[in-house]
């Protein structure tokens, strides 16, 4: 499955995957595929992929979580690049982050959750800041502590 089917759009691919995840929220393979597709688009936009960005989107570095929150307010487009005219990459960054936040709050086995925390940490190391990386580490620590308390 590709996000951009012949004659299709990224938004259509997102909508399809969201519909599937609504019906099957514990399907790790579908969550993983969703994240892979979103991250692939982010890499293309940031110039970290083999292909150049189609729309010339610029990168704005996030220096801190405070900058992250301020940028989120500035680019409050619910993660849809078509609605965010200022900086497509930033909107996509927040959309991917929201998907990761959704995955780490699912009630799955520890092994599956470790997979998502590792992916989230890798993503933040590539695109985020030291503070966002720390946020992921803190969330993982909280998850482990909640499992120990059970």
C-alpha atoms as a PDB file:
ATOM      1  CA  UNK A   1       0.000   0.000   0.000  1.00  0.00           C
ATOM      2  CA  UNK A   2       1.319   3.421  -0.885  1.00  0.00           C
ATOM      3  CA  UNK A   3       0.075   6.690   0.441  1.00  0.00           C
ATOM      4  CA  UNK A   4      -0.196   8.244  -2.937  1.00  0.00           C
ATOM      5  CA  UNK A   5      -2.119   5.805  -5.059  1.00  0.00           C
ATOM      6  CA  UNK A   6      -2.492   6.504  -8.754  1.00  0.00           C
ATOM      7  CA  UNK A   7      -4.636   9.609  -8.888  1.00  0.00           C
ATOM      8  CA  UNK A   8      -4.963   9.576  -5.106  1.00  0.00           C
ATOM      9  CA  UNK A   9      -3.636  11.857  -2.417  1.00  0.00           C
ATOM     10  CA  UNK A  10      -1.835  11.660   0.886  1.00  0.00           C
ATOM     11  CA  UNK A  11      -4.981  12.840   2.686  1.00  0.00           C
ATOM     12  CA  UNK A  12      -6.955   9.983   1.160  1.00  0.00           C
ATOM     13  CA  UNK A  13      -4.317   7.505   2.367  1.00  0.00           C
ATOM     14  CA  UNK A  14      -4.444   8.967   5.865  1.00  0.00           C
ATOM     15  CA  UNK A  15      -8.219   8.779   5.918  1.00  0.00           C
ATOM     16  CA  UNK A  16      -8.149   5.131   4.834  1.00  0.00           C
ATOM     17  CA  UNK A  17      -5.612   4.181   7.506  1.00  0.00           C
ATOM     18  CA  UNK A  18      -7.486   6.111  10.202  1.00  0.00           C
ATOM     19  CA  UNK A  19     -10.639   4.200   9.264  1.00  0.00           C
ATOM     20  CA  UNK A  20      -8.845   0.869   9.483  1.00  0.00           C
ATOM     21  CA  UNK A  21      -7.314   1.806  12.845  1.00  0.00           C
ATOM     22  CA  UNK A  22     -10.729   2.807  14.174  1.00  0.00           C
ATOM     23  CA  UNK A  23     -11.919  -0.737  13.527  1.00  0.00           C
ATOM     24  CA  UNK A  24      -8.677  -2.500  14.523  1.00  0.00           C
ATOM     25  CA  UNK A  25      -6.930  -0.312  17.125  1.00  0.00           C
ATOM     26  CA  UNK A  26      -4.554  -3.043  18.330  1.00  0.00           C
ATOM     27  CA  UNK A  27      -3.111  -3.946  14.928  1.00  0.00           C
ATOM     28  CA  UNK A  28       0.543  -3.074  15.420  1.00  0.00           C
ATOM     29  CA  UNK A  29       1.356  -3.808  11.777  1.00  0.00           C
ATOM     30  CA  UNK A  30      -1.122  -1.171  10.577  1.00  0.00           C
ATOM     31  CA  UNK A  31       0.105   1.428  13.094  1.00  0.00           C
ATOM     32  CA  UNK A  32       3.641   0.687  11.952  1.00  0.00           C
ATOM     33  CA  UNK A  33       2.734   1.059   8.292  1.00  0.00           C
ATOM     34  CA  UNK A  34       0.945   4.336   9.032  1.00  0.00           C
ATOM     35  CA  UNK A  35       4.022   5.692  10.810  1.00  0.00           C
ATOM     36  CA  UNK A  36       6.346   4.458   8.043  1.00  0.00           C
ATOM     37  CA  UNK A  37       4.345   6.307   5.419  1.00  0.00           C
ATOM     38  CA  UNK A  38       4.188   9.537   7.440  1.00  0.00           C
ATOM     39  CA  UNK A  39       7.913   9.429   8.225  1.00  0.00           C
ATOM     40  CA  UNK A  40       8.703   8.759   4.563  1.00  0.00           C
ATOM     41  CA  UNK A  41       6.816  11.931   3.610  1.00  0.00           C
ATOM     42  CA  UNK A  42       8.632  13.877   6.364  1.00  0.00           C
ATOM     43  CA  UNK A  43      12.017  12.678   5.108  1.00  0.00           C
ATOM     44  CA  UNK A  44      11.140  13.762   1.582  1.00  0.00           C
ATOM     45  CA  UNK A  45      10.113  17.204   2.822  1.00  0.00           C
ATOM     46  CA  UNK A  46      13.203  17.622   4.967  1.00  0.00           C
ATOM     47  CA  UNK A  47      15.572  16.583   2.188  1.00  0.00           C
ATOM     48  CA  UNK A  48      16.793  13.517   4.100  1.00  0.00           C
ATOM     49  CA  UNK A  49      15.467  11.181   1.422  1.00  0.00           C
ATOM     50  CA  UNK A  50      16.840  10.442  -2.025  1.00  0.00           C
ATOM     51  CA  UNK A  51      14.111  12.530  -3.642  1.00  0.00           C
ATOM     52  CA  UNK A  52      13.889  16.305  -3.294  1.00  0.00           C
ATOM     53  CA  UNK A  53      10.782  17.851  -1.716  1.00  0.00           C
ATOM     54  CA  UNK A  54       8.054  18.625  -4.209  1.00  0.00           C
ATOM     55  CA  UNK A  55       6.865  21.837  -2.621  1.00  0.00           C
ATOM     56  CA  UNK A  56      10.075  23.439  -1.348  1.00  0.00           C
ATOM     57  CA  UNK A  57       9.001  23.243   2.303  1.00  0.00           C
ATOM     58  CA  UNK A  58      11.443  24.782   4.719  1.00  0.00           C
ATOM     59  CA  UNK A  59      12.618  23.392   8.031  1.00  0.00           C
ATOM     60  CA  UNK A  60      12.340  25.318  11.250  1.00  0.00           C
ATOM     61  CA  UNK A  61      14.412  23.718  14.017  1.00  0.00           C
ATOM     62  CA  UNK A  62      12.750  23.119  17.360  1.00  0.00           C
ATOM     63  CA  UNK A  63      15.124  24.257  20.063  1.00  0.00           C
ATOM     64  CA  UNK A  64      12.966  23.372  23.050  1.00  0.00           C
ATOM     65  CA  UNK A  65       9.620  21.961  24.069  1.00  0.00           C
ATOM     66  CA  UNK A  66       8.481  25.562  24.596  1.00  0.00           C
ATOM     67  CA  UNK A  67       9.341  26.282  20.942  1.00  0.00           C
ATOM     68  CA  UNK A  68       7.519  23.081  20.034  1.00  0.00           C
ATOM     69  CA  UNK A  69       4.337  24.225  21.793  1.00  0.00           C
ATOM     70  CA  UNK A  70       4.568  27.740  20.359  1.00  0.00           C
ATOM     71  CA  UNK A  71       5.081  26.325  16.874  1.00  0.00           C
ATOM     72  CA  UNK A  72       2.155  23.975  17.398  1.00  0.00           C
ATOM     73  CA  UNK A  73      -0.093  26.931  18.174  1.00  0.00           C
ATOM     74  CA  UNK A  74       1.288  28.818  15.167  1.00  0.00           C
ATOM     75  CA  UNK A  75       0.753  25.860  12.850  1.00  0.00           C
ATOM     76  CA  UNK A  76      -2.456  24.586  14.429  1.00  0.00           C
ATOM     77  CA  UNK A  77      -3.710  22.860  11.320  1.00  0.00           C
ATOM     78  CA  UNK A  78      -4.500  19.522  12.932  1.00  0.00           C
ATOM     79  CA  UNK A  79      -1.582  17.976  11.118  1.00  0.00           C
ATOM     80  CA  UNK A  80      -3.015  18.344   7.652  1.00  0.00           C
ATOM     81  CA  UNK A  81      -0.442  19.918   5.310  1.00  0.00           C
ATOM     82  CA  UNK A  82      -3.173  20.966   2.886  1.00  0.00           C
ATOM     83  CA  UNK A  83      -4.574  23.197   5.648  1.00  0.00           C
ATOM     84  CA  UNK A  84      -1.207  24.526   6.747  1.00  0.00           C
ATOM     85  CA  UNK A  85       0.113  26.996   4.200  1.00  0.00           C
ATOM     86  CA  UNK A  86       3.047  28.376   6.213  1.00  0.00           C
ATOM     87  CA  UNK A  87       5.258  25.354   6.794  1.00  0.00           C
ATOM     88  CA  UNK A  88       4.208  21.950   5.550  1.00  0.00           C
ATOM     89  CA  UNK A  89       7.030  20.108   7.309  1.00  0.00           C
ATOM     90  CA  UNK A  90       6.106  21.502  10.741  1.00  0.00           C
ATOM     91  CA  UNK A  91       2.486  20.431  10.319  1.00  0.00           C
ATOM     92  CA  UNK A  92       3.606  16.973   9.302  1.00  0.00           C
ATOM     93  CA  UNK A  93       6.028  16.811  12.250  1.00  0.00           C
ATOM     94  CA  UNK A  94       3.152  17.482  14.664  1.00  0.00           C
ATOM     95  CA  UNK A  95       0.880  15.006  12.893  1.00  0.00           C
ATOM     96  CA  UNK A  96       3.472  12.247  13.227  1.00  0.00           C
ATOM     97  CA  UNK A  97       4.075  13.163  16.838  1.00  0.00           C
ATOM     98  CA  UNK A  98       0.349  12.886  17.555  1.00  0.00           C
ATOM     99  CA  UNK A  99       0.256   9.437  15.949  1.00  0.00           C
ATOM    100  CA  UNK A 100       3.187   8.342  18.123  1.00  0.00           C
ATOM    101  CA  UNK A 101       1.468   9.757  21.219  1.00  0.00           C
ATOM    102  CA  UNK A 102      -1.620   7.744  20.334  1.00  0.00           C
ATOM    103  CA  UNK A 103       0.402   4.554  19.940  1.00  0.00           C
ATOM    104  CA  UNK A 104       2.227   4.866  23.256  1.00  0.00           C
ATOM    105  CA  UNK A 105      -1.094   5.197  25.068  1.00  0.00           C
ATOM    106  CA  UNK A 106      -2.585   2.009  23.638  1.00  0.00           C
ATOM    107  CA  UNK A 107      -3.022  -0.945  25.962  1.00  0.00           C
ATOM    108  CA  UNK A 108      -0.685  -3.425  24.299  1.00  0.00           C
ATOM    109  CA  UNK A 109       1.878  -5.913  25.555  1.00  0.00           C
ATOM    110  CA  UNK A 110       5.202  -4.608  26.830  1.00  0.00           C
ATOM    111  CA  UNK A 111       7.023  -6.070  23.834  1.00  0.00           C
ATOM    112  CA  UNK A 112       4.790  -4.189  21.376  1.00  0.00           C
ATOM    113  CA  UNK A 113       5.020  -0.988  23.396  1.00  0.00           C
ATOM    114  CA  UNK A 114       8.815  -1.233  23.401  1.00  0.00           C
ATOM    115  CA  UNK A 115       8.673  -1.346  19.604  1.00  0.00           C
ATOM    116  CA  UNK A 116       6.661   1.910  19.515  1.00  0.00           C
ATOM    117  CA  UNK A 117       8.817   3.660  22.106  1.00  0.00           C
ATOM    118  CA  UNK A 118      11.961   2.728  20.151  1.00  0.00           C
ATOM    119  CA  UNK A 119      10.445   4.057  16.911  1.00  0.00           C
ATOM    120  CA  UNK A 120       9.271   7.245  18.624  1.00  0.00           C
ATOM    121  CA  UNK A 121      12.703   7.834  20.163  1.00  0.00           C
ATOM    122  CA  UNK A 122      14.406   7.253  16.811  1.00  0.00           C
ATOM    123  CA  UNK A 123      11.999   9.716  15.162  1.00  0.00           C
ATOM    124  CA  UNK A 124      12.597  12.419  17.770  1.00  0.00           C
ATOM    125  CA  UNK A 125      16.372  11.969  17.507  1.00  0.00           C
ATOM    126  CA  UNK A 126      16.120  12.501  13.761  1.00  0.00           C
ATOM    127  CA  UNK A 127      13.625  15.368  13.638  1.00  0.00           C
ATOM    128  CA  UNK A 128      13.131  16.703  17.177  1.00  0.00           C
ATOM    129  CA  UNK A 129      15.251  18.348  19.836  1.00  0.00           C
ATOM    130  CA  UNK A 130      16.943  17.189  23.028  1.00  0.00           C
ATOM    131  CA  UNK A 131      13.840  18.171  24.945  1.00  0.00           C
ATOM    132  CA  UNK A 132      11.479  16.156  22.760  1.00  0.00           C
ATOM    133  CA  UNK A 133      13.826  13.164  23.025  1.00  0.00           C
ATOM    134  CA  UNK A 134      13.682  13.538  26.806  1.00  0.00           C
ATOM    135  CA  UNK A 135       9.874  13.662  26.613  1.00  0.00           C
ATOM    136  CA  UNK A 136       9.859  10.227  24.929  1.00  0.00           C
ATOM    137  CA  UNK A 137      12.289   8.813  27.493  1.00  0.00           C
ATOM    138  CA  UNK A 138      10.105  10.140  30.326  1.00  0.00           C
ATOM    139  CA  UNK A 139       6.981   8.619  28.755  1.00  0.00           C
ATOM    140  CA  UNK A 140       8.763   5.249  28.452  1.00  0.00           C
ATOM    141  CA  UNK A 141       9.882   5.490  32.064  1.00  0.00           C
ATOM    142  CA  UNK A 142       6.288   6.208  33.160  1.00  0.00           C
ATOM    143  CA  UNK A 143       5.058   3.223  31.162  1.00  0.00           C
ATOM    144  CA  UNK A 144       7.581   0.895  32.793  1.00  0.00           C
ATOM    145  CA  UNK A 145       6.720   2.210  36.261  1.00  0.00           C
ATOM    146  CA  UNK A 146       3.002   1.675  35.628  1.00  0.00           C
ATOM    147  CA  UNK A 147       3.702  -1.917  34.517  1.00  0.00           C
ATOM    148  CA  UNK A 148       5.768  -2.569  37.647  1.00  0.00           C
ATOM    149  CA  UNK A 149       2.991  -1.182  39.837  1.00  0.00           C
ATOM    150  CA  UNK A 150       0.437  -3.604  38.342  1.00  0.00           C
END
